[in-house]
Amino acid sequence: ASIKAYNQAVRAKIRHEQEKASSTQR
């Protein structure tokens, strides 16, 4: 359960950083 939660948090962090980077480029 800890690994699953950790991996989901990392995926969300990466997705957020990608969205932030794409909104900055626009």
PDB file of all heavy atoms in Angstrom:
ATOM      1  N   ALA A   1       0.833  -1.204   0.000  1.00  0.00           N
ATOM      2  CA  ALA A   1       0.000   0.000   0.000  1.00  0.00           C
ATOM      3  C   ALA A   1       0.872   1.261   0.000  1.00  0.00           C
ATOM      4  O   ALA A   1       0.553   2.241  -0.694  1.00  0.00           O
ATOM      5  CB  ALA A   1      -0.937  -0.002   1.212  1.00  0.00           C
ATOM      6  N   SER A   2       1.965   1.241   0.751  1.00  0.00           N
ATOM      7  CA  SER A   2       2.877   2.393   0.773  1.00  0.00           C
ATOM      8  C   SER A   2       3.523   2.611  -0.585  1.00  0.00           C
ATOM      9  O   SER A   2       3.646   3.754  -1.045  1.00  0.00           O
ATOM     10  CB  SER A   2       3.968   2.190   1.826  1.00  0.00           C
ATOM     11  OG  SER A   2       3.406   2.105   3.102  1.00  0.00           O
ATOM     12  N   ILE A   3       3.931   1.551  -1.232  1.00  0.00           N
ATOM     13  CA  ILE A   3       4.558   1.648  -2.555  1.00  0.00           C
ATOM     14  C   ILE A   3       3.553   2.172  -3.570  1.00  0.00           C
ATOM     15  O   ILE A   3       3.867   3.047  -4.384  1.00  0.00           O
ATOM     16  CB  ILE A   3       5.112   0.275  -2.988  1.00  0.00           C
ATOM     17  CG1 ILE A   3       6.304  -0.090  -2.113  1.00  0.00           C
ATOM     18  CG2 ILE A   3       5.504   0.268  -4.461  1.00  0.00           C
ATOM     19  CD1 ILE A   3       6.696  -1.547  -2.205  1.00  0.00           C
ATOM     20  N   LYS A   4       2.338   1.661  -3.534  1.00  0.00           N
ATOM     21  CA  LYS A   4       1.298   2.099  -4.459  1.00  0.00           C
ATOM     22  C   LYS A   4       1.017   3.593  -4.276  1.00  0.00           C
ATOM     23  O   LYS A   4       0.942   4.340  -5.248  1.00  0.00           O
ATOM     24  CB  LYS A   4       0.034   1.275  -4.240  1.00  0.00           C
ATOM     25  CG  LYS A   4      -1.054   1.539  -5.246  1.00  0.00           C
ATOM     26  CD  LYS A   4      -2.146   0.502  -5.117  1.00  0.00           C
ATOM     27  CE  LYS A   4      -3.307   0.765  -6.030  1.00  0.00           C
ATOM     28  NZ  LYS A   4      -2.996   0.646  -7.436  1.00  0.00           N
ATOM     29  N   ALA A   5       0.877   4.033  -3.030  1.00  0.00           N
ATOM     30  CA  ALA A   5       0.619   5.450  -2.754  1.00  0.00           C
ATOM     31  C   ALA A   5       1.802   6.319  -3.185  1.00  0.00           C
ATOM     32  O   ALA A   5       1.621   7.399  -3.761  1.00  0.00           O
ATOM     33  CB  ALA A   5       0.322   5.652  -1.273  1.00  0.00           C
ATOM     34  N   TYR A   6       3.006   5.844  -2.918  1.00  0.00           N
ATOM     35  CA  TYR A   6       4.203   6.592  -3.305  1.00  0.00           C
ATOM     36  C   TYR A   6       4.284   6.749  -4.824  1.00  0.00           C
ATOM     37  O   TYR A   6       4.513   7.850  -5.329  1.00  0.00           O
ATOM     38  CB  TYR A   6       5.465   5.896  -2.781  1.00  0.00           C
ATOM     39  CG  TYR A   6       6.728   6.518  -3.305  1.00  0.00           C
ATOM     40  CD1 TYR A   6       7.242   7.674  -2.739  1.00  0.00           C
ATOM     41  CD2 TYR A   6       7.397   5.967  -4.394  1.00  0.00           C
ATOM     42  CE1 TYR A   6       8.388   8.267  -3.244  1.00  0.00           C
ATOM     43  CE2 TYR A   6       8.538   6.541  -4.896  1.00  0.00           C
ATOM     44  CZ  TYR A   6       9.032   7.693  -4.317  1.00  0.00           C
ATOM     45  OH  TYR A   6      10.154   8.282  -4.823  1.00  0.00           O
ATOM     46  N   ASN A   7       4.085   5.649  -5.561  1.00  0.00           N
ATOM     47  CA  ASN A   7       4.169   5.718  -7.021  1.00  0.00           C
ATOM     48  C   ASN A   7       3.084   6.618  -7.603  1.00  0.00           C
ATOM     49  O   ASN A   7       3.332   7.351  -8.564  1.00  0.00           O
ATOM     50  CB  ASN A   7       4.101   4.318  -7.636  1.00  0.00           C
ATOM     51  CG  ASN A   7       5.412   3.575  -7.498  1.00  0.00           C
ATOM     52  OD1 ASN A   7       6.468   4.164  -7.276  1.00  0.00           O
ATOM     53  ND2 ASN A   7       5.356   2.260  -7.631  1.00  0.00           N
ATOM     54  N   GLN A   8       1.890   6.597  -7.029  1.00  0.00           N
ATOM     55  CA  GLN A   8       0.825   7.490  -7.493  1.00  0.00           C
ATOM     56  C   GLN A   8       1.190   8.951  -7.234  1.00  0.00           C
ATOM     57  O   GLN A   8       0.940   9.821  -8.076  1.00  0.00           O
ATOM     58  CB  GLN A   8      -0.497   7.157  -6.814  1.00  0.00           C
ATOM     59  CG  GLN A   8      -1.137   5.901  -7.333  1.00  0.00           C
ATOM     60  CD  GLN A   8      -2.440   5.569  -6.621  1.00  0.00           C
ATOM     61  OE1 GLN A   8      -2.739   6.110  -5.549  1.00  0.00           O
ATOM     62  NE2 GLN A   8      -3.209   4.663  -7.199  1.00  0.00           N
ATOM     63  N   ALA A   9       1.793   9.228  -6.089  1.00  0.00           N
ATOM     64  CA  ALA A   9       2.203  10.594  -5.773  1.00  0.00           C
ATOM     65  C   ALA A   9       3.289  11.072  -6.729  1.00  0.00           C
ATOM     66  O   ALA A   9       3.270  12.233  -7.176  1.00  0.00           O
ATOM     67  CB  ALA A   9       2.689  10.681  -4.329  1.00  0.00           C
ATOM     68  N   VAL A  10       4.229  10.203  -7.049  1.00  0.00           N
ATOM     69  CA  VAL A  10       5.293  10.581  -7.990  1.00  0.00           C
ATOM     70  C   VAL A  10       4.708  10.841  -9.373  1.00  0.00           C
ATOM     71  O   VAL A  10       5.073  11.817 -10.031  1.00  0.00           O
ATOM     72  CB  VAL A  10       6.389   9.493  -8.045  1.00  0.00           C
ATOM     73  CG1 VAL A  10       7.346   9.733  -9.195  1.00  0.00           C
ATOM     74  CG2 VAL A  10       7.152   9.448  -6.737  1.00  0.00           C
ATOM     75  N   ARG A  11       3.777   9.987  -9.816  1.00  0.00           N
ATOM     76  CA  ARG A  11       3.137  10.210 -11.126  1.00  0.00           C
ATOM     77  C   ARG A  11       2.389  11.531 -11.139  1.00  0.00           C
ATOM     78  O   ARG A  11       2.435  12.274 -12.126  1.00  0.00           O
ATOM     79  CB  ARG A  11       2.202   9.059 -11.467  1.00  0.00           C
ATOM     80  CG  ARG A  11       2.927   7.822 -11.954  1.00  0.00           C
ATOM     81  CD  ARG A  11       1.978   6.811 -12.564  1.00  0.00           C
ATOM     82  NE  ARG A  11       1.069   6.205 -11.602  1.00  0.00           N
ATOM     83  CZ  ARG A  11       1.334   5.101 -10.909  1.00  0.00           C
ATOM     84  NH1 ARG A  11       2.479   4.479 -11.065  1.00  0.00           N
ATOM     85  NH2 ARG A  11       0.457   4.625 -10.059  1.00  0.00           N
ATOM     86  N   ALA A  12       1.684  11.850 -10.060  1.00  0.00           N
ATOM     87  CA  ALA A  12       0.952  13.119  -9.974  1.00  0.00           C
ATOM     88  C   ALA A  12       1.920  14.304  -9.995  1.00  0.00           C
ATOM     89  O   ALA A  12       1.649  15.324 -10.642  1.00  0.00           O
ATOM     90  CB  ALA A  12       0.101  13.155  -8.711  1.00  0.00           C
ATOM     91  N   LYS A  13       3.040  14.172  -9.310  1.00  0.00           N
ATOM     92  CA  LYS A  13       4.050  15.240  -9.287  1.00  0.00           C
ATOM     93  C   LYS A  13       4.616  15.466 -10.689  1.00  0.00           C
ATOM     94  O   LYS A  13       4.745  16.606 -11.133  1.00  0.00           O
ATOM     95  CB  LYS A  13       5.169  14.866  -8.321  1.00  0.00           C
ATOM     96  CG  LYS A  13       6.285  15.870  -8.253  1.00  0.00           C
ATOM     97  CD  LYS A  13       7.385  15.390  -7.308  1.00  0.00           C
ATOM     98  CE  LYS A  13       8.570  16.312  -7.352  1.00  0.00           C
ATOM     99  NZ  LYS A  13       9.676  15.829  -6.534  1.00  0.00           N
ATOM    100  N   ILE A  14       4.930  14.380 -11.380  1.00  0.00           N
ATOM    101  CA  ILE A  14       5.475  14.494 -12.737  1.00  0.00           C
ATOM    102  C   ILE A  14       4.437  15.113 -13.668  1.00  0.00           C
ATOM    103  O   ILE A  14       4.757  16.002 -14.472  1.00  0.00           O
ATOM    104  CB  ILE A  14       5.931  13.108 -13.254  1.00  0.00           C
ATOM    105  CG1 ILE A  14       7.157  12.647 -12.465  1.00  0.00           C
ATOM    106  CG2 ILE A  14       6.232  13.147 -14.748  1.00  0.00           C
ATOM    107  CD1 ILE A  14       7.544  11.201 -12.719  1.00  0.00           C
ATOM    108  N   ARG A  15       3.182  14.666 -13.564  1.00  0.00           N
ATOM    109  CA  ARG A  15       2.115  15.217 -14.396  1.00  0.00           C
ATOM    110  C   ARG A  15       1.937  16.717 -14.125  1.00  0.00           C
ATOM    111  O   ARG A  15       1.796  17.512 -15.049  1.00  0.00           O
ATOM    112  CB  ARG A  15       0.827  14.447 -14.120  1.00  0.00           C
ATOM    113  CG  ARG A  15      -0.276  14.694 -15.091  1.00  0.00           C
ATOM    114  CD  ARG A  15      -1.465  13.743 -14.940  1.00  0.00           C
ATOM    115  NE  ARG A  15      -1.804  13.376 -13.565  1.00  0.00           N
ATOM    116  CZ  ARG A  15      -1.607  12.169 -13.047  1.00  0.00           C
ATOM    117  NH1 ARG A  15      -1.051  11.211 -13.753  1.00  0.00           N
ATOM    118  NH2 ARG A  15      -1.957  11.916 -11.796  1.00  0.00           N
ATOM    119  N   HIS A  16       1.988  17.103 -12.853  1.00  0.00           N
ATOM    120  CA  HIS A  16       1.850  18.512 -12.485  1.00  0.00           C
ATOM    121  C   HIS A  16       3.002  19.336 -13.059  1.00  0.00           C
ATOM    122  O   HIS A  16       2.779  20.442 -13.577  1.00  0.00           O
ATOM    123  CB  HIS A  16       1.797  18.653 -10.967  1.00  0.00           C
ATOM    124  CG  HIS A  16       1.754  20.063 -10.486  1.00  0.00           C
ATOM    125  ND1 HIS A  16       0.634  20.848 -10.642  1.00  0.00           N
ATOM    126  CD2 HIS A  16       2.692  20.845  -9.876  1.00  0.00           C
ATOM    127  CE1 HIS A  16       0.886  22.049 -10.136  1.00  0.00           C
ATOM    128  NE2 HIS A  16       2.129  22.068  -9.667  1.00  0.00           N
ATOM    129  N   GLU A  17       4.228  18.815 -12.960  1.00  0.00           N
ATOM    130  CA  GLU A  17       5.381  19.536 -13.505  1.00  0.00           C
ATOM    131  C   GLU A  17       5.292  19.672 -15.021  1.00  0.00           C
ATOM    132  O   GLU A  17       5.647  20.712 -15.570  1.00  0.00           O
ATOM    133  CB  GLU A  17       6.683  18.826 -13.117  1.00  0.00           C
ATOM    134  CG  GLU A  17       7.017  18.947 -11.652  1.00  0.00           C
ATOM    135  CD  GLU A  17       8.199  18.093 -11.217  1.00  0.00           C
ATOM    136  OE1 GLU A  17       8.694  17.271 -12.037  1.00  0.00           O
ATOM    137  OE2 GLU A  17       8.624  18.237 -10.063  1.00  0.00           O
ATOM    138  N   GLN A  18       4.790  18.636 -15.696  1.00  0.00           N
ATOM    139  CA  GLN A  18       4.629  18.708 -17.149  1.00  0.00           C
ATOM    140  C   GLN A  18       3.563  19.724 -17.531  1.00  0.00           C
ATOM    141  O   GLN A  18       3.738  20.488 -18.481  1.00  0.00           O
ATOM    142  CB  GLN A  18       4.272  17.329 -17.715  1.00  0.00           C
ATOM    143  CG  GLN A  18       5.413  16.352 -17.679  1.00  0.00           C
ATOM    144  CD  GLN A  18       4.996  14.942 -18.069  1.00  0.00           C
ATOM    145  OE1 GLN A  18       3.810  14.628 -18.124  1.00  0.00           O
ATOM    146  NE2 GLN A  18       5.982  14.091 -18.338  1.00  0.00           N
ATOM    147  N   GLU A  19       2.455  19.743 -16.801  1.00  0.00           N
ATOM    148  CA  GLU A  19       1.400  20.721 -17.064  1.00  0.00           C
ATOM    149  C   GLU A  19       1.900  22.135 -16.813  1.00  0.00           C
ATOM    150  O   GLU A  19       1.588  23.061 -17.566  1.00  0.00           O
ATOM    151  CB  GLU A  19       0.172  20.436 -16.208  1.00  0.00           C
ATOM    152  CG  GLU A  19      -0.562  19.184 -16.608  1.00  0.00           C
ATOM    153  CD  GLU A  19      -1.654  18.811 -15.629  1.00  0.00           C
ATOM    154  OE1 GLU A  19      -1.834  19.512 -14.605  1.00  0.00           O
ATOM    155  OE2 GLU A  19      -2.345  17.795 -15.875  1.00  0.00           O
ATOM    156  N   LYS A  20       2.672  22.298 -15.757  1.00  0.00           N
ATOM    157  CA  LYS A  20       3.218  23.613 -15.427  1.00  0.00           C
ATOM    158  C   LYS A  20       4.183  24.084 -16.520  1.00  0.00           C
ATOM    159  O   LYS A  20       4.166  25.229 -16.924  1.00  0.00           O
ATOM    160  CB  LYS A  20       3.946  23.538 -14.077  1.00  0.00           C
ATOM    161  CG  LYS A  20       4.392  24.848 -13.524  1.00  0.00           C
ATOM    162  CD  LYS A  20       5.003  24.656 -12.145  1.00  0.00           C
ATOM    163  CE  LYS A  20       5.539  25.936 -11.583  1.00  0.00           C
ATOM    164  NZ  LYS A  20       6.155  25.732 -10.269  1.00  0.00           N
ATOM    165  N   ALA A  21       5.020  23.150 -16.990  1.00  0.00           N
ATOM    166  CA  ALA A  21       5.972  23.489 -18.043  1.00  0.00           C
ATOM    167  C   ALA A  21       5.266  23.818 -19.358  1.00  0.00           C
ATOM    168  O   ALA A  21       5.637  24.765 -20.055  1.00  0.00           O
ATOM    169  CB  ALA A  21       6.964  22.341 -18.262  1.00  0.00           C
ATOM    170  N   SER A  22       4.211  23.070 -19.695  1.00  0.00           N
ATOM    171  CA  SER A  22       3.506  23.331 -20.940  1.00  0.00           C
ATOM    172  C   SER A  22       2.717  24.634 -20.861  1.00  0.00           C
ATOM    173  O   SER A  22       2.600  25.360 -21.847  1.00  0.00           O
ATOM    174  CB  SER A  22       2.576  22.175 -21.298  1.00  0.00           C
ATOM    175  OG  SER A  22       1.544  22.060 -20.353  1.00  0.00           O
ATOM    176  N   SER A  23       2.181  24.967 -19.691  1.00  0.00           N
ATOM    177  CA  SER A  23       1.460  26.245 -19.552  1.00  0.00           C
ATOM    178  C   SER A  23       2.429  27.422 -19.592  1.00  0.00           C
ATOM    179  O   SER A  23       2.080  28.499 -20.060  1.00  0.00           O
ATOM    180  CB  SER A  23       0.624  26.268 -18.266  1.00  0.00           C
ATOM    181  OG  SER A  23       1.465  26.310 -17.139  1.00  0.00           O
ATOM    182  N   THR A  24       3.643  27.233 -19.128  1.00  0.00           N
ATOM    183  CA  THR A  24       4.654  28.301 -19.177  1.00  0.00           C
ATOM    184  C   THR A  24       5.101  28.531 -20.617  1.00  0.00           C
ATOM    185  O   THR A  24       5.338  29.660 -21.017  1.00  0.00           O
ATOM    186  CB  THR A  24       5.873  27.910 -18.314  1.00  0.00           C
ATOM    187  OG1 THR A  24       5.424  27.538 -17.016  1.00  0.00           O
ATOM    188  CG2 THR A  24       6.836  29.074 -18.195  1.00  0.00           C
ATOM    189  N   GLN A  25       5.185  27.467 -21.406  1.00  0.00           N
ATOM    190  CA  GLN A  25       5.623  27.597 -22.801  1.00  0.00           C
ATOM    191  C   GLN A  25       4.552  28.261 -23.654  1.00  0.00           C
ATOM    192  O   GLN A  25       4.881  28.922 -24.624  1.00  0.00           O
ATOM    193  CB  GLN A  25       5.963  26.222 -23.377  1.00  0.00           C
ATOM    194  CG  GLN A  25       7.202  25.618 -22.792  1.00  0.00           C
ATOM    195  CD  GLN A  25       7.448  24.203 -23.299  1.00  0.00           C
ATOM    196  OE1 GLN A  25       6.606  23.641 -23.990  1.00  0.00           O
ATOM    197  NE2 GLN A  25       8.599  23.645 -22.962  1.00  0.00           N
ATOM    198  N   ARG A  26       3.296  28.124 -23.319  1.00  0.00           N
ATOM    199  CA  ARG A  26       2.198  28.730 -24.104  1.00  0.00           C
ATOM    200  C   ARG A  26       2.181  30.233 -24.005  1.00  0.00           C
ATOM    201  O   ARG A  26       1.710  30.910 -24.871  1.00  0.00           O
ATOM    202  CB  ARG A  26       0.858  28.178 -23.645  1.00  0.00           C
ATOM    203  CG  ARG A  26       0.631  26.746 -24.033  1.00  0.00           C
ATOM    204  CD  ARG A  26      -0.765  26.342 -23.648  1.00  0.00           C
ATOM    205  NE  ARG A  26      -0.721  24.933 -23.282  1.00  0.00           N
ATOM    206  CZ  ARG A  26      -1.584  24.313 -22.532  1.00  0.00           C
ATOM    207  NH1 ARG A  26      -2.617  24.987 -22.048  1.00  0.00           N
ATOM    208  NH2 ARG A  26      -1.483  23.058 -22.250  1.00  0.00           N
TER     209      ARG A  26
END
